[in-house]
């Protein structure tokens, strides 16, 4: 989340999960502390721009392009063709942090595609790609 305060943008830190221990003690260290680190603004902007087309009513080519971009950046870690500021920002954070930050965006995209596909039998290429990315994130990304 972002909060605008006195003409500057301040990033608010939020845990990605809330365990009973972290809620009780209010002390975050080790891995729990890493969950509260924000991702750089270029990454947040990138994720929002990829998710934004899925908030509209009509599914089209822009959605498929976003799915391909998500796969290239999140799954394959291909940074070629991205802006220098985004490439630097992605390089400055751990891969696992990028995966965790992109997870809610991919869930939103998947939900929008599945809702638009209601009643249609064959799954579109976009849905197949998003489901593949989610499958990779949930099952394989932690091992990489």
N, C-alpha and C. Protein backbone atom coordinates (compact mmCIF):
# COMPACT_ATOMS: atom_id res chain seq x y z
N UNK A 1 0.83 -1.18 0.00
CA UNK A 1 0.00 0.00 0.00
C UNK A 1 0.87 1.24 0.00
N UNK A 2 0.36 2.28 -0.54
CA UNK A 2 1.09 3.53 -0.54
C UNK A 2 0.26 4.58 0.18
N UNK A 3 0.94 5.48 0.83
CA UNK A 3 0.28 6.56 1.55
C UNK A 3 0.99 7.85 1.18
N UNK A 4 0.25 8.83 0.74
CA UNK A 4 0.86 10.09 0.36
C UNK A 4 0.90 10.99 1.60
N UNK A 5 2.09 11.48 1.93
CA UNK A 5 2.28 12.26 3.14
C UNK A 5 3.21 13.42 2.85
N UNK A 6 2.74 14.62 2.94
CA UNK A 6 3.53 15.83 2.76
C UNK A 6 4.28 15.85 1.43
N UNK A 7 3.58 15.50 0.35
CA UNK A 7 4.16 15.61 -0.97
C UNK A 7 5.10 14.50 -1.37
N UNK A 8 5.32 13.51 -0.51
CA UNK A 8 6.17 12.38 -0.86
C UNK A 8 5.36 11.10 -0.76
N UNK A 9 5.82 10.08 -1.44
CA UNK A 9 5.16 8.79 -1.37
C UNK A 9 5.88 7.94 -0.35
N UNK A 10 5.14 7.43 0.59
CA UNK A 10 5.71 6.58 1.63
C UNK A 10 5.13 5.18 1.45
N UNK A 11 5.97 4.17 1.36
CA UNK A 11 5.50 2.81 1.24
C UNK A 11 5.17 2.26 2.61
N UNK A 12 3.98 1.70 2.74
CA UNK A 12 3.56 1.11 4.00
C UNK A 12 3.89 -0.37 3.97
N UNK A 13 4.49 -0.88 5.01
CA UNK A 13 4.90 -2.27 5.07
C UNK A 13 3.77 -3.10 5.64
N UNK A 14 3.46 -4.20 4.96
CA UNK A 14 2.41 -5.09 5.42
C UNK A 14 2.92 -6.52 5.31
N UNK A 15 2.66 -7.36 6.30
CA UNK A 15 3.08 -8.76 6.18
C UNK A 15 2.24 -9.46 5.13
N UNK A 16 2.85 -10.42 4.43
CA UNK A 16 2.12 -11.20 3.45
C UNK A 16 1.32 -12.30 4.10
N UNK A 17 1.65 -12.63 5.33
CA UNK A 17 0.87 -13.60 6.09
C UNK A 17 0.86 -13.16 7.53
N UNK A 18 -0.15 -13.58 8.24
CA UNK A 18 -0.20 -13.21 9.65
C UNK A 18 -0.29 -14.48 10.48
N UNK A 19 0.80 -14.82 11.10
CA UNK A 19 0.81 -15.98 11.98
C UNK A 19 0.51 -15.53 13.38
N UNK A 20 0.07 -16.43 14.21
CA UNK A 20 -0.28 -16.08 15.58
C UNK A 20 0.92 -15.51 16.33
N UNK A 21 2.10 -16.05 16.07
CA UNK A 21 3.30 -15.59 16.78
C UNK A 21 3.64 -14.15 16.41
N UNK A 22 3.52 -13.81 15.12
CA UNK A 22 3.88 -12.45 14.73
C UNK A 22 2.84 -11.44 15.20
N UNK A 23 1.59 -11.86 15.31
CA UNK A 23 0.55 -10.95 15.78
C UNK A 23 0.72 -10.71 17.27
N UNK A 24 1.05 -11.75 18.02
CA UNK A 24 1.19 -11.63 19.47
C UNK A 24 2.40 -10.79 19.85
N UNK A 25 3.54 -11.07 19.26
CA UNK A 25 4.78 -10.45 19.73
C UNK A 25 5.09 -9.11 19.06
N UNK A 26 4.50 -8.87 17.88
CA UNK A 26 4.81 -7.66 17.12
C UNK A 26 6.30 -7.52 16.83
N UNK A 27 7.05 -8.59 16.94
CA UNK A 27 8.48 -8.58 16.60
C UNK A 27 8.65 -9.45 15.37
N UNK A 28 9.20 -8.86 14.34
CA UNK A 28 9.42 -9.60 13.11
C UNK A 28 10.91 -9.68 12.89
N UNK A 29 11.39 -10.91 12.81
CA UNK A 29 12.81 -11.09 12.52
C UNK A 29 12.96 -12.26 11.57
N UNK A 30 14.12 -12.34 10.94
CA UNK A 30 14.38 -13.43 10.00
C UNK A 30 13.42 -13.37 8.83
N UNK A 31 12.81 -14.52 8.54
CA UNK A 31 11.91 -14.61 7.40
C UNK A 31 10.67 -13.75 7.57
N UNK A 32 10.15 -13.66 8.79
CA UNK A 32 8.96 -12.85 9.01
C UNK A 32 9.24 -11.38 8.71
N UNK A 33 10.45 -10.92 9.01
CA UNK A 33 10.82 -9.54 8.71
C UNK A 33 10.89 -9.28 7.22
N UNK A 34 11.32 -10.28 6.47
CA UNK A 34 11.39 -10.14 5.01
C UNK A 34 10.02 -10.00 4.40
N UNK A 35 9.01 -10.60 5.03
CA UNK A 35 7.65 -10.51 4.51
C UNK A 35 7.14 -9.08 4.56
N UNK A 36 7.67 -8.28 5.45
CA UNK A 36 7.19 -6.90 5.62
C UNK A 36 7.94 -5.92 4.74
N UNK A 37 8.95 -6.37 4.02
CA UNK A 37 9.69 -5.48 3.14
C UNK A 37 8.84 -5.19 1.91
N UNK A 38 8.80 -3.93 1.53
CA UNK A 38 8.05 -3.57 0.34
C UNK A 38 8.91 -3.86 -0.89
N UNK A 39 8.25 -4.02 -2.02
CA UNK A 39 8.98 -4.17 -3.27
C UNK A 39 9.13 -2.77 -3.86
N UNK A 40 10.19 -2.54 -4.63
CA UNK A 40 10.42 -1.21 -5.20
C UNK A 40 9.25 -0.75 -6.08
N UNK A 41 9.08 0.54 -6.15
CA UNK A 41 7.98 1.14 -6.89
C UNK A 41 7.92 0.71 -8.36
N UNK A 42 9.05 0.59 -9.09
CA UNK A 42 8.94 0.12 -10.48
C UNK A 42 8.30 -1.27 -10.60
N UNK A 43 8.54 -2.14 -9.61
CA UNK A 43 7.92 -3.47 -9.64
C UNK A 43 6.43 -3.36 -9.37
N UNK A 44 6.05 -2.53 -8.40
CA UNK A 44 4.64 -2.33 -8.10
C UNK A 44 3.91 -1.78 -9.33
N UNK A 45 4.54 -0.82 -10.00
CA UNK A 45 3.94 -0.23 -11.20
C UNK A 45 3.81 -1.27 -12.30
N UNK A 46 4.85 -2.06 -12.49
CA UNK A 46 4.82 -3.12 -13.50
C UNK A 46 3.67 -4.09 -13.23
N UNK A 47 3.55 -4.55 -11.98
CA UNK A 47 2.49 -5.51 -11.64
C UNK A 47 1.11 -4.89 -11.86
N UNK A 48 0.95 -3.64 -11.49
CA UNK A 48 -0.34 -2.98 -11.69
C UNK A 48 -0.65 -2.86 -13.19
N UNK A 49 0.33 -2.49 -13.99
CA UNK A 49 0.09 -2.34 -15.43
C UNK A 49 -0.26 -3.67 -16.09
N UNK A 50 0.30 -4.75 -15.59
CA UNK A 50 -0.04 -6.07 -16.15
C UNK A 50 -1.42 -6.52 -15.70
N UNK A 51 -1.83 -6.12 -14.49
CA UNK A 51 -3.12 -6.53 -13.94
C UNK A 51 -4.26 -5.65 -14.46
N UNK A 52 -3.99 -4.41 -14.76
CA UNK A 52 -5.01 -3.44 -15.13
C UNK A 52 -5.94 -3.90 -16.26
N UNK A 53 -5.46 -4.51 -17.35
CA UNK A 53 -6.38 -4.93 -18.40
C UNK A 53 -7.44 -5.93 -17.93
N UNK A 54 -7.15 -6.67 -16.89
CA UNK A 54 -8.08 -7.69 -16.41
C UNK A 54 -9.22 -7.09 -15.60
N UNK A 55 -9.14 -5.81 -15.30
CA UNK A 55 -10.20 -5.16 -14.55
C UNK A 55 -11.32 -4.67 -15.46
N UNK A 56 -11.09 -4.68 -16.76
CA UNK A 56 -12.11 -4.28 -17.72
C UNK A 56 -13.07 -5.42 -18.02
N UNK A 57 -14.10 -5.11 -18.78
CA UNK A 57 -15.14 -6.10 -19.05
C UNK A 57 -14.78 -7.04 -20.20
N UNK A 58 -14.04 -6.54 -21.19
CA UNK A 58 -13.79 -7.34 -22.39
C UNK A 58 -12.40 -7.96 -22.35
N UNK A 59 -12.34 -9.24 -22.66
CA UNK A 59 -11.08 -9.98 -22.72
C UNK A 59 -10.58 -9.95 -24.16
N UNK A 60 -9.31 -9.62 -24.35
CA UNK A 60 -8.79 -9.53 -25.71
C UNK A 60 -7.30 -9.80 -25.78
N UNK A 61 -6.68 -9.24 -26.80
CA UNK A 61 -5.25 -9.45 -27.05
C UNK A 61 -4.37 -8.89 -25.94
N UNK A 62 -4.79 -7.80 -25.33
CA UNK A 62 -4.01 -7.19 -24.26
C UNK A 62 -3.85 -8.14 -23.08
N UNK A 63 -4.87 -8.95 -22.85
CA UNK A 63 -4.82 -9.92 -21.75
C UNK A 63 -3.79 -11.01 -22.04
N UNK A 64 -3.79 -11.46 -23.26
CA UNK A 64 -2.82 -12.49 -23.63
C UNK A 64 -1.40 -11.95 -23.56
N UNK A 65 -1.21 -10.71 -23.96
CA UNK A 65 0.12 -10.09 -23.87
C UNK A 65 0.57 -9.97 -22.42
N UNK A 66 -0.35 -9.63 -21.53
CA UNK A 66 -0.01 -9.55 -20.10
C UNK A 66 0.37 -10.92 -19.55
N UNK A 67 -0.35 -11.95 -19.98
CA UNK A 67 -0.03 -13.31 -19.53
C UNK A 67 1.37 -13.72 -19.98
N UNK A 68 1.70 -13.40 -21.23
CA UNK A 68 3.03 -13.73 -21.75
C UNK A 68 4.10 -12.96 -20.98
N UNK A 69 3.84 -11.69 -20.68
CA UNK A 69 4.80 -10.89 -19.93
C UNK A 69 4.98 -11.43 -18.53
N UNK A 70 3.88 -11.79 -17.86
CA UNK A 70 3.97 -12.40 -16.53
C UNK A 70 4.84 -13.65 -16.58
N UNK A 71 4.61 -14.49 -17.59
CA UNK A 71 5.39 -15.73 -17.69
C UNK A 71 6.87 -15.42 -17.91
N UNK A 72 7.17 -14.50 -18.81
CA UNK A 72 8.58 -14.18 -19.09
C UNK A 72 9.30 -13.62 -17.88
N UNK A 73 8.64 -12.72 -17.15
CA UNK A 73 9.31 -12.04 -16.04
C UNK A 73 9.29 -12.88 -14.77
N UNK A 74 8.12 -13.40 -14.40
CA UNK A 74 7.99 -14.09 -13.11
C UNK A 74 8.53 -15.52 -13.19
N UNK A 75 8.13 -16.28 -14.19
CA UNK A 75 8.51 -17.69 -14.27
C UNK A 75 9.91 -17.86 -14.86
N UNK A 76 10.14 -17.26 -16.02
CA UNK A 76 11.40 -17.48 -16.72
C UNK A 76 12.51 -16.51 -16.30
N UNK A 77 12.16 -15.46 -15.58
CA UNK A 77 13.12 -14.46 -15.11
C UNK A 77 13.88 -13.81 -16.27
N UNK A 78 13.18 -13.56 -17.37
CA UNK A 78 13.77 -12.89 -18.53
C UNK A 78 13.52 -11.39 -18.39
N UNK A 79 14.58 -10.62 -18.25
CA UNK A 79 14.45 -9.19 -18.04
C UNK A 79 14.74 -8.38 -19.30
N UNK A 80 15.12 -9.06 -20.38
CA UNK A 80 15.44 -8.38 -21.63
C UNK A 80 14.17 -7.70 -22.18
N UNK A 81 14.31 -6.45 -22.57
CA UNK A 81 13.18 -5.72 -23.14
C UNK A 81 12.42 -4.89 -22.12
N UNK A 82 12.75 -5.03 -20.85
CA UNK A 82 12.11 -4.22 -19.82
C UNK A 82 12.87 -2.91 -19.66
N UNK A 83 12.22 -1.93 -19.05
CA UNK A 83 12.90 -0.65 -18.83
C UNK A 83 14.08 -0.86 -17.88
N UNK A 84 15.12 -0.03 -18.01
CA UNK A 84 16.28 -0.18 -17.11
C UNK A 84 15.91 -0.07 -15.63
N UNK A 85 14.98 0.84 -15.30
CA UNK A 85 14.61 0.99 -13.88
C UNK A 85 13.90 -0.26 -13.37
N UNK A 86 13.06 -0.88 -14.20
CA UNK A 86 12.38 -2.11 -13.79
C UNK A 86 13.37 -3.26 -13.69
N UNK A 87 14.27 -3.38 -14.65
CA UNK A 87 15.28 -4.43 -14.60
C UNK A 87 16.15 -4.30 -13.36
N UNK A 88 16.56 -3.07 -13.04
CA UNK A 88 17.37 -2.83 -11.84
C UNK A 88 16.59 -3.17 -10.58
N UNK A 89 15.31 -2.79 -10.56
CA UNK A 89 14.48 -3.06 -9.38
C UNK A 89 14.30 -4.56 -9.18
N UNK A 90 14.05 -5.30 -10.25
CA UNK A 90 13.87 -6.75 -10.15
C UNK A 90 15.17 -7.40 -9.71
N UNK A 91 16.28 -6.91 -10.23
CA UNK A 91 17.58 -7.46 -9.84
C UNK A 91 17.92 -7.16 -8.38
N UNK A 92 17.34 -6.11 -7.83
CA UNK A 92 17.67 -5.71 -6.46
C UNK A 92 16.91 -6.50 -5.39
N UNK A 93 15.88 -7.23 -5.79
CA UNK A 93 15.11 -8.02 -4.81
C UNK A 93 15.33 -9.50 -5.09
N UNK A 94 15.08 -10.32 -4.08
CA UNK A 94 15.21 -11.76 -4.29
C UNK A 94 14.10 -12.25 -5.21
N UNK A 95 14.39 -13.31 -5.89
CA UNK A 95 13.40 -13.89 -6.81
C UNK A 95 12.14 -14.29 -6.06
N UNK A 96 12.31 -14.85 -4.87
CA UNK A 96 11.18 -15.29 -4.07
C UNK A 96 10.29 -14.11 -3.69
N UNK A 97 10.91 -12.96 -3.41
CA UNK A 97 10.13 -11.77 -3.07
C UNK A 97 9.31 -11.29 -4.27
N UNK A 98 9.87 -11.37 -5.46
CA UNK A 98 9.13 -11.01 -6.67
C UNK A 98 7.96 -11.96 -6.88
N UNK A 99 8.20 -13.25 -6.69
CA UNK A 99 7.14 -14.25 -6.85
C UNK A 99 6.01 -13.97 -5.86
N UNK A 100 6.36 -13.73 -4.61
CA UNK A 100 5.34 -13.46 -3.58
C UNK A 100 4.57 -12.18 -3.89
N UNK A 101 5.25 -11.16 -4.38
CA UNK A 101 4.58 -9.89 -4.68
C UNK A 101 3.63 -10.03 -5.87
N UNK A 102 3.97 -10.89 -6.82
CA UNK A 102 3.13 -11.04 -8.01
C UNK A 102 1.96 -12.00 -7.81
N UNK A 103 1.99 -12.80 -6.76
CA UNK A 103 0.94 -13.81 -6.55
C UNK A 103 -0.47 -13.22 -6.50
N UNK A 104 -0.76 -12.19 -5.70
CA UNK A 104 -2.14 -11.67 -5.68
C UNK A 104 -2.57 -11.09 -7.03
N UNK A 105 -1.64 -10.54 -7.77
CA UNK A 105 -1.97 -10.00 -9.09
C UNK A 105 -2.37 -11.12 -10.04
N UNK A 106 -1.64 -12.22 -9.98
CA UNK A 106 -1.97 -13.36 -10.84
C UNK A 106 -3.29 -14.01 -10.44
N UNK A 107 -3.59 -14.04 -9.16
CA UNK A 107 -4.89 -14.56 -8.71
C UNK A 107 -6.01 -13.70 -9.27
N UNK A 108 -5.85 -12.38 -9.23
CA UNK A 108 -6.85 -11.46 -9.78
C UNK A 108 -7.05 -11.70 -11.27
N UNK A 109 -5.95 -11.83 -12.00
CA UNK A 109 -6.02 -12.07 -13.45
C UNK A 109 -6.71 -13.40 -13.74
N UNK A 110 -6.35 -14.42 -12.99
CA UNK A 110 -6.94 -15.74 -13.19
C UNK A 110 -8.45 -15.69 -12.94
N UNK A 111 -8.85 -15.04 -11.86
CA UNK A 111 -10.27 -14.91 -11.55
C UNK A 111 -11.04 -14.20 -12.64
N UNK A 112 -10.47 -13.12 -13.17
CA UNK A 112 -11.14 -12.37 -14.24
C UNK A 112 -11.28 -13.22 -15.50
N UNK A 113 -10.23 -13.97 -15.84
CA UNK A 113 -10.29 -14.82 -17.03
C UNK A 113 -11.29 -15.96 -16.85
N UNK A 114 -11.30 -16.57 -15.68
CA UNK A 114 -12.24 -17.66 -15.44
C UNK A 114 -13.68 -17.17 -15.46
N UNK A 115 -13.92 -15.99 -14.91
CA UNK A 115 -15.27 -15.43 -14.92
C UNK A 115 -15.72 -15.14 -16.35
N UNK A 116 -14.83 -14.60 -17.17
CA UNK A 116 -15.16 -14.30 -18.56
C UNK A 116 -15.36 -15.57 -19.38
N UNK A 117 -14.78 -16.67 -18.93
CA UNK A 117 -14.85 -17.94 -19.67
C UNK A 117 -15.99 -18.83 -19.20
N UNK A 118 -16.82 -18.35 -18.29
CA UNK A 118 -17.91 -19.15 -17.73
C UNK A 118 -18.80 -19.69 -18.84
N UNK A 119 -19.00 -20.99 -18.82
CA UNK A 119 -19.88 -21.63 -19.80
C UNK A 119 -19.20 -22.05 -21.08
N UNK A 120 -17.98 -21.63 -21.31
CA UNK A 120 -17.26 -22.03 -22.52
C UNK A 120 -16.42 -23.25 -22.21
N UNK A 121 -16.44 -24.22 -23.07
CA UNK A 121 -15.72 -25.47 -22.81
C UNK A 121 -14.22 -25.35 -22.97
N UNK A 122 -13.70 -25.07 -24.14
CA UNK A 122 -12.24 -25.04 -24.24
C UNK A 122 -11.69 -23.80 -23.53
N UNK A 123 -10.63 -24.02 -22.77
CA UNK A 123 -9.98 -22.91 -22.07
C UNK A 123 -9.14 -22.11 -23.06
N UNK A 124 -9.20 -20.81 -22.95
CA UNK A 124 -8.42 -19.95 -23.84
C UNK A 124 -6.93 -20.08 -23.52
N UNK A 125 -6.11 -19.61 -24.44
CA UNK A 125 -4.66 -19.63 -24.22
C UNK A 125 -4.28 -18.81 -22.99
N UNK A 126 -4.97 -17.70 -22.78
CA UNK A 126 -4.67 -16.84 -21.63
C UNK A 126 -4.92 -17.58 -20.32
N UNK A 127 -6.05 -18.27 -20.22
CA UNK A 127 -6.35 -19.01 -18.98
C UNK A 127 -5.34 -20.13 -18.78
N UNK A 128 -5.02 -20.83 -19.85
CA UNK A 128 -4.04 -21.91 -19.73
C UNK A 128 -2.70 -21.38 -19.24
N UNK A 129 -2.28 -20.24 -19.77
CA UNK A 129 -1.00 -19.66 -19.37
C UNK A 129 -1.02 -19.20 -17.92
N UNK A 130 -2.10 -18.53 -17.50
CA UNK A 130 -2.21 -18.07 -16.11
C UNK A 130 -2.25 -19.26 -15.16
N UNK A 131 -2.98 -20.30 -15.51
CA UNK A 131 -3.03 -21.49 -14.65
C UNK A 131 -1.66 -22.16 -14.57
N UNK A 132 -0.94 -22.18 -15.68
CA UNK A 132 0.42 -22.72 -15.67
C UNK A 132 1.32 -21.91 -14.74
N UNK A 133 1.22 -20.57 -14.82
CA UNK A 133 2.04 -19.70 -13.96
C UNK A 133 1.70 -19.95 -12.50
N UNK A 134 0.41 -20.02 -12.17
CA UNK A 134 0.00 -20.28 -10.78
C UNK A 134 0.49 -21.65 -10.32
N UNK A 135 0.39 -22.64 -11.19
CA UNK A 135 0.89 -23.98 -10.87
C UNK A 135 2.38 -23.92 -10.55
N UNK A 136 3.13 -23.21 -11.39
CA UNK A 136 4.57 -23.08 -11.15
C UNK A 136 4.84 -22.37 -9.83
N UNK A 137 4.09 -21.28 -9.57
CA UNK A 137 4.32 -20.52 -8.34
C UNK A 137 4.06 -21.36 -7.10
N UNK A 138 2.98 -22.11 -7.12
CA UNK A 138 2.58 -22.87 -5.93
C UNK A 138 3.46 -24.10 -5.73
N UNK A 139 3.78 -24.80 -6.80
CA UNK A 139 4.48 -26.07 -6.66
C UNK A 139 5.99 -26.01 -6.87
N UNK A 140 6.45 -25.19 -7.78
CA UNK A 140 7.85 -25.27 -8.19
C UNK A 140 8.72 -24.07 -7.80
N UNK A 141 8.13 -22.90 -7.61
CA UNK A 141 8.93 -21.69 -7.43
C UNK A 141 9.79 -21.71 -6.17
N UNK A 142 9.32 -22.33 -5.11
CA UNK A 142 10.10 -22.36 -3.87
C UNK A 142 11.39 -23.15 -4.03
N UNK A 143 11.40 -24.11 -4.95
CA UNK A 143 12.59 -24.94 -5.15
C UNK A 143 13.66 -24.21 -5.97
N UNK A 144 13.28 -23.19 -6.71
CA UNK A 144 14.25 -22.48 -7.57
C UNK A 144 15.02 -21.43 -6.82
